[in-house]
C-alpha atoms as a PDB file:
ATOM      1  CA  UNK A   1      39.070 -55.401  20.868  1.00  0.00           C
ATOM      2  CA  UNK A   2      36.651 -53.108  18.969  1.00  0.00           C
ATOM      3  CA  UNK A   3      34.523 -54.729  16.352  1.00  0.00           C
ATOM      4  CA  UNK A   4      33.604 -52.463  13.424  1.00  0.00           C
ATOM      5  CA  UNK A   5      30.976 -53.557  10.932  1.00  0.00           C
ATOM      6  CA  UNK A   6      31.944 -53.405   7.266  1.00  0.00           C
ATOM      7  CA  UNK A   7      30.567 -50.443   5.311  1.00  0.00           C
ATOM      8  CA  UNK A   8      28.178 -52.661   3.370  1.00  0.00           C
ATOM      9  CA  UNK A   9      26.352 -53.816   6.513  1.00  0.00           C
ATOM     10  CA  UNK A  10      26.139 -50.467   8.324  1.00  0.00           C
ATOM     11  CA  UNK A  11      22.747 -48.786   8.245  1.00  0.00           C
ATOM     12  CA  UNK A  12      22.542 -45.071   7.951  1.00  0.00           C
ATOM     13  CA  UNK A  13      19.548 -43.411   9.595  1.00  0.00           C
ATOM     14  CA  UNK A  14      17.931 -41.177   7.005  1.00  0.00           C
ATOM     15  CA  UNK A  15      15.537 -39.478   9.388  1.00  0.00           C
ATOM     16  CA  UNK A  16      12.242 -40.682   7.940  1.00  0.00           C
ATOM     17  CA  UNK A  17       9.605 -38.011   8.432  1.00  0.00           C
ATOM     18  CA  UNK A  18       6.235 -38.659  10.001  1.00  0.00           C
ATOM     19  CA  UNK A  19       3.498 -38.785   7.287  1.00  0.00           C
ATOM     20  CA  UNK A  20       1.523 -36.090   9.101  1.00  0.00           C
ATOM     21  CA  UNK A  21       4.594 -33.886   9.243  1.00  0.00           C
ATOM     22  CA  UNK A  22       5.223 -34.235   5.531  1.00  0.00           C
ATOM     23  CA  UNK A  23       1.530 -33.511   4.825  1.00  0.00           C
ATOM     24  CA  UNK A  24       1.639 -30.370   6.964  1.00  0.00           C
ATOM     25  CA  UNK A  25       4.876 -29.302   5.287  1.00  0.00           C
ATOM     26  CA  UNK A  26       3.272 -29.836   1.866  1.00  0.00           C
ATOM     27  CA  UNK A  27       0.139 -27.931   2.944  1.00  0.00           C
ATOM     28  CA  UNK A  28       2.212 -25.036   4.252  1.00  0.00           C
ATOM     29  CA  UNK A  29       4.128 -24.934   0.961  1.00  0.00           C
ATOM     30  CA  UNK A  30       0.901 -24.820  -1.054  1.00  0.00           C
ATOM     31  CA  UNK A  31      -0.697 -22.148   1.147  1.00  0.00           C
ATOM     32  CA  UNK A  32       2.447 -20.020   1.128  1.00  0.00           C
ATOM     33  CA  UNK A  33       2.657 -20.253  -2.681  1.00  0.00           C
ATOM     34  CA  UNK A  34      -0.982 -19.157  -2.981  1.00  0.00           C
ATOM     35  CA  UNK A  35      -0.416 -16.336  -0.494  1.00  0.00           C
ATOM     36  CA  UNK A  36       2.704 -15.074  -2.282  1.00  0.00           C
ATOM     37  CA  UNK A  37       0.933 -15.280  -5.651  1.00  0.00           C
ATOM     38  CA  UNK A  38      -2.046 -13.279  -4.363  1.00  0.00           C
ATOM     39  CA  UNK A  39       0.234 -10.736  -2.735  1.00  0.00           C
ATOM     40  CA  UNK A  40       2.261 -10.280  -5.931  1.00  0.00           C
ATOM     41  CA  UNK A  41      -0.958  -9.909  -7.912  1.00  0.00           C
ATOM     42  CA  UNK A  42      -2.144  -7.214  -5.512  1.00  0.00           C
ATOM     43  CA  UNK A  43       1.161  -5.329  -5.679  1.00  0.00           C
ATOM     44  CA  UNK A  44       2.172  -5.826  -9.314  1.00  0.00           C
ATOM     45  CA  UNK A  45      -1.172  -6.490 -11.014  1.00  0.00           C
ATOM     46  CA  UNK A  46      -3.298  -4.013 -12.961  1.00  0.00           C
ATOM     47  CA  UNK A  47      -5.586  -1.718 -11.043  1.00  0.00           C
ATOM     48  CA  UNK A  48      -8.534  -0.860 -13.321  1.00  0.00           C
ATOM     49  CA  UNK A  49     -10.623   2.150 -12.429  1.00  0.00           C
ATOM     50  CA  UNK A  50     -14.180   1.416 -11.311  1.00  0.00           C
ATOM     51  CA  UNK A  51     -16.739   2.543 -13.882  1.00  0.00           C
ATOM     52  CA  UNK A  52     -20.475   2.120 -14.238  1.00  0.00           C
ATOM     53  CA  UNK A  53     -19.976  -0.600 -16.835  1.00  0.00           C
ATOM     54  CA  UNK A  54     -17.411  -2.396 -14.674  1.00  0.00           C
ATOM     55  CA  UNK A  55     -19.721  -2.419 -11.651  1.00  0.00           C
ATOM     56  CA  UNK A  56     -22.607  -4.108 -13.475  1.00  0.00           C
ATOM     57  CA  UNK A  57     -23.503  -7.554 -12.150  1.00  0.00           C
ATOM     58  CA  UNK A  58     -22.885  -9.294 -15.498  1.00  0.00           C
ATOM     59  CA  UNK A  59     -19.851  -8.055 -17.348  1.00  0.00           C
ATOM     60  CA  UNK A  60     -20.234 -10.353 -20.347  1.00  0.00           C
ATOM     61  CA  UNK A  61     -20.935  -7.648 -22.883  1.00  0.00           C
ATOM     62  CA  UNK A  62     -24.481  -8.783 -23.651  1.00  0.00           C
ATOM     63  CA  UNK A  63     -27.276  -6.366 -22.994  1.00  0.00           C
ATOM     64  CA  UNK A  64     -30.001  -7.509 -20.645  1.00  0.00           C
ATOM     65  CA  UNK A  65     -33.171  -8.309 -22.589  1.00  0.00           C
ATOM     66  CA  UNK A  66     -35.662  -7.801 -19.789  1.00  0.00           C
ATOM     67  CA  UNK A  67     -34.184  -6.476 -16.532  1.00  0.00           C
ATOM     68  CA  UNK A  68     -37.553  -6.555 -14.752  1.00  0.00           C
ATOM     69  CA  UNK A  69     -38.490 -10.156 -15.482  1.00  0.00           C
ATOM     70  CA  UNK A  70     -35.514 -12.003 -13.978  1.00  0.00           C
ATOM     71  CA  UNK A  71     -36.517 -15.535 -13.010  1.00  0.00           C
ATOM     72  CA  UNK A  72     -34.801 -18.215 -11.000  1.00  0.00           C
ATOM     73  CA  UNK A  73     -33.530 -21.371 -12.647  1.00  0.00           C
ATOM     74  CA  UNK A  74     -36.306 -24.014 -12.800  1.00  0.00           C
ATOM     75  CA  UNK A  75     -36.063 -26.760 -10.192  1.00  0.00           C
ATOM     76  CA  UNK A  76     -35.850 -29.499 -12.838  1.00  0.00           C
ATOM     77  CA  UNK A  77     -32.252 -28.483 -13.605  1.00  0.00           C
ATOM     78  CA  UNK A  78     -31.181 -29.040 -10.007  1.00  0.00           C
ATOM     79  CA  UNK A  79     -32.049 -32.747 -10.222  1.00  0.00           C
ATOM     80  CA  UNK A  80     -29.787 -33.117 -13.249  1.00  0.00           C
ATOM     81  CA  UNK A  81     -27.017 -31.216 -11.465  1.00  0.00           C
ATOM     82  CA  UNK A  82     -27.288 -33.442  -8.389  1.00  0.00           C
ATOM     83  CA  UNK A  83     -27.276 -36.605 -10.516  1.00  0.00           C
ATOM     84  CA  UNK A  84     -24.191 -35.338 -12.356  1.00  0.00           C
ATOM     85  CA  UNK A  85     -22.369 -34.593  -9.100  1.00  0.00           C
ATOM     86  CA  UNK A  86     -23.237 -38.039  -7.738  1.00  0.00           C
ATOM     87  CA  UNK A  87     -21.997 -39.831 -10.850  1.00  0.00           C
ATOM     88  CA  UNK A  88     -18.885 -37.666 -10.905  1.00  0.00           C
ATOM     89  CA  UNK A  89     -18.095 -38.451  -7.268  1.00  0.00           C
ATOM     90  CA  UNK A  90     -18.738 -42.139  -7.786  1.00  0.00           C
ATOM     91  CA  UNK A  91     -16.258 -42.300 -10.650  1.00  0.00           C
ATOM     92  CA  UNK A  92     -13.640 -40.537  -8.525  1.00  0.00           C
ATOM     93  CA  UNK A  93     -14.256 -42.990  -5.662  1.00  0.00           C
ATOM     94  CA  UNK A  94     -14.073 -45.877  -8.108  1.00  0.00           C
ATOM     95  CA  UNK A  95     -10.661 -44.681  -9.272  1.00  0.00           C
ATOM     96  CA  UNK A  96      -9.486 -44.375  -5.653  1.00  0.00           C
ATOM     97  CA  UNK A  97     -10.827 -47.854  -4.921  1.00  0.00           C
ATOM     98  CA  UNK A  98      -8.899 -49.259  -7.886  1.00  0.00           C
ATOM     99  CA  UNK A  99      -5.693 -47.750  -6.564  1.00  0.00           C
ATOM    100  CA  UNK A 100      -6.306 -48.935  -3.002  1.00  0.00           C
ATOM    101  CA  UNK A 101      -7.455 -52.471  -3.826  1.00  0.00           C
ATOM    102  CA  UNK A 102      -3.973 -53.944  -3.857  1.00  0.00           C
ATOM    103  CA  UNK A 103      -3.881 -56.899  -3.219  1.00  0.00           C
ATOM    104  CA  UNK A 104      -7.324 -57.795  -4.476  1.00  0.00           C
ATOM    105  CA  UNK A 105      -9.121 -59.743  -1.756  1.00  0.00           C
ATOM    106  CA  UNK A 106     -12.635 -61.135  -1.481  1.00  0.00           C
ATOM    107  CA  UNK A 107     -13.693 -58.171   0.676  1.00  0.00           C
ATOM    108  CA  UNK A 108     -12.496 -55.757  -1.989  1.00  0.00           C
ATOM    109  CA  UNK A 109     -14.438 -57.598  -4.691  1.00  0.00           C
ATOM    110  CA  UNK A 110     -17.597 -57.462  -2.528  1.00  0.00           C
ATOM    111  CA  UNK A 111     -17.153 -53.718  -1.961  1.00  0.00           C
ATOM    112  CA  UNK A 112     -16.664 -53.213  -5.692  1.00  0.00           C
ATOM    113  CA  UNK A 113     -19.906 -55.040  -6.532  1.00  0.00           C
ATOM    114  CA  UNK A 114     -21.756 -53.114  -3.804  1.00  0.00           C
ATOM    115  CA  UNK A 115     -20.403 -49.869  -5.203  1.00  0.00           C
ATOM    116  CA  UNK A 116     -21.224 -50.829  -8.806  1.00  0.00           C
ATOM    117  CA  UNK A 117     -24.741 -51.913  -7.827  1.00  0.00           C
ATOM    118  CA  UNK A 118     -25.342 -48.527  -6.184  1.00  0.00           C
ATOM    119  CA  UNK A 119     -24.137 -46.868  -9.366  1.00  0.00           C
ATOM    120  CA  UNK A 120     -26.504 -48.980 -11.487  1.00  0.00           C
ATOM    121  CA  UNK A 121     -29.401 -48.252  -9.102  1.00  0.00           C
ATOM    122  CA  UNK A 122     -28.724 -44.526  -9.447  1.00  0.00           C
ATOM    123  CA  UNK A 123     -28.626 -44.850 -13.216  1.00  0.00           C
ATOM    124  CA  UNK A 124     -31.929 -46.747 -13.219  1.00  0.00           C
ATOM    125  CA  UNK A 125     -33.511 -44.092 -10.994  1.00  0.00           C
ATOM    126  CA  UNK A 126     -32.369 -41.302 -13.325  1.00  0.00           C
ATOM    127  CA  UNK A 127     -33.739 -43.251 -16.293  1.00  0.00           C
ATOM    128  CA  UNK A 128     -37.049 -44.149 -14.607  1.00  0.00           C
ATOM    129  CA  UNK A 129     -37.619 -40.630 -13.240  1.00  0.00           C
ATOM    130  CA  UNK A 130     -36.938 -39.254 -16.747  1.00  0.00           C
ATOM    131  CA  UNK A 131     -34.675 -36.558 -15.354  1.00  0.00           C
ATOM    132  CA  UNK A 132     -32.880 -36.036 -18.635  1.00  0.00           C
ATOM    133  CA  UNK A 133     -36.106 -35.871 -20.638  1.00  0.00           C
ATOM    134  CA  UNK A 134     -37.569 -33.289 -18.242  1.00  0.00           C
ATOM    135  CA  UNK A 135     -34.920 -30.714 -19.057  1.00  0.00           C
ATOM    136  CA  UNK A 136     -35.268 -31.041 -22.841  1.00  0.00           C
ATOM    137  CA  UNK A 137     -38.865 -29.805 -22.796  1.00  0.00           C
END
């Protein structure tokens, strides 16, 4: 006698894909879209003729005030840029932590307070070093 399971209890194998396989498939889709877009731009896009004005380093339309006296950006602006990047990255990591902290355990609360204390220490350093006041001079 052959025993057949009812349709409600039969499991159908869907063929679940490996997470790495789906990531690689997604990456290949993105890279192929970018490649096709760049290729279509090269083939169908405008081809402006090179002129002396077009080949200038700054094509913003403003005339250079003093082409001889070109100075580098003062070092005080780099400290502000680095502080901005650090705060920006910390907020992104904080958002990722909030998404990954499910369920909320004691270890996750400790990592949050460690992370927040590092953020406060960075803020105090920026305030004490007067980085923002240095660039307004």
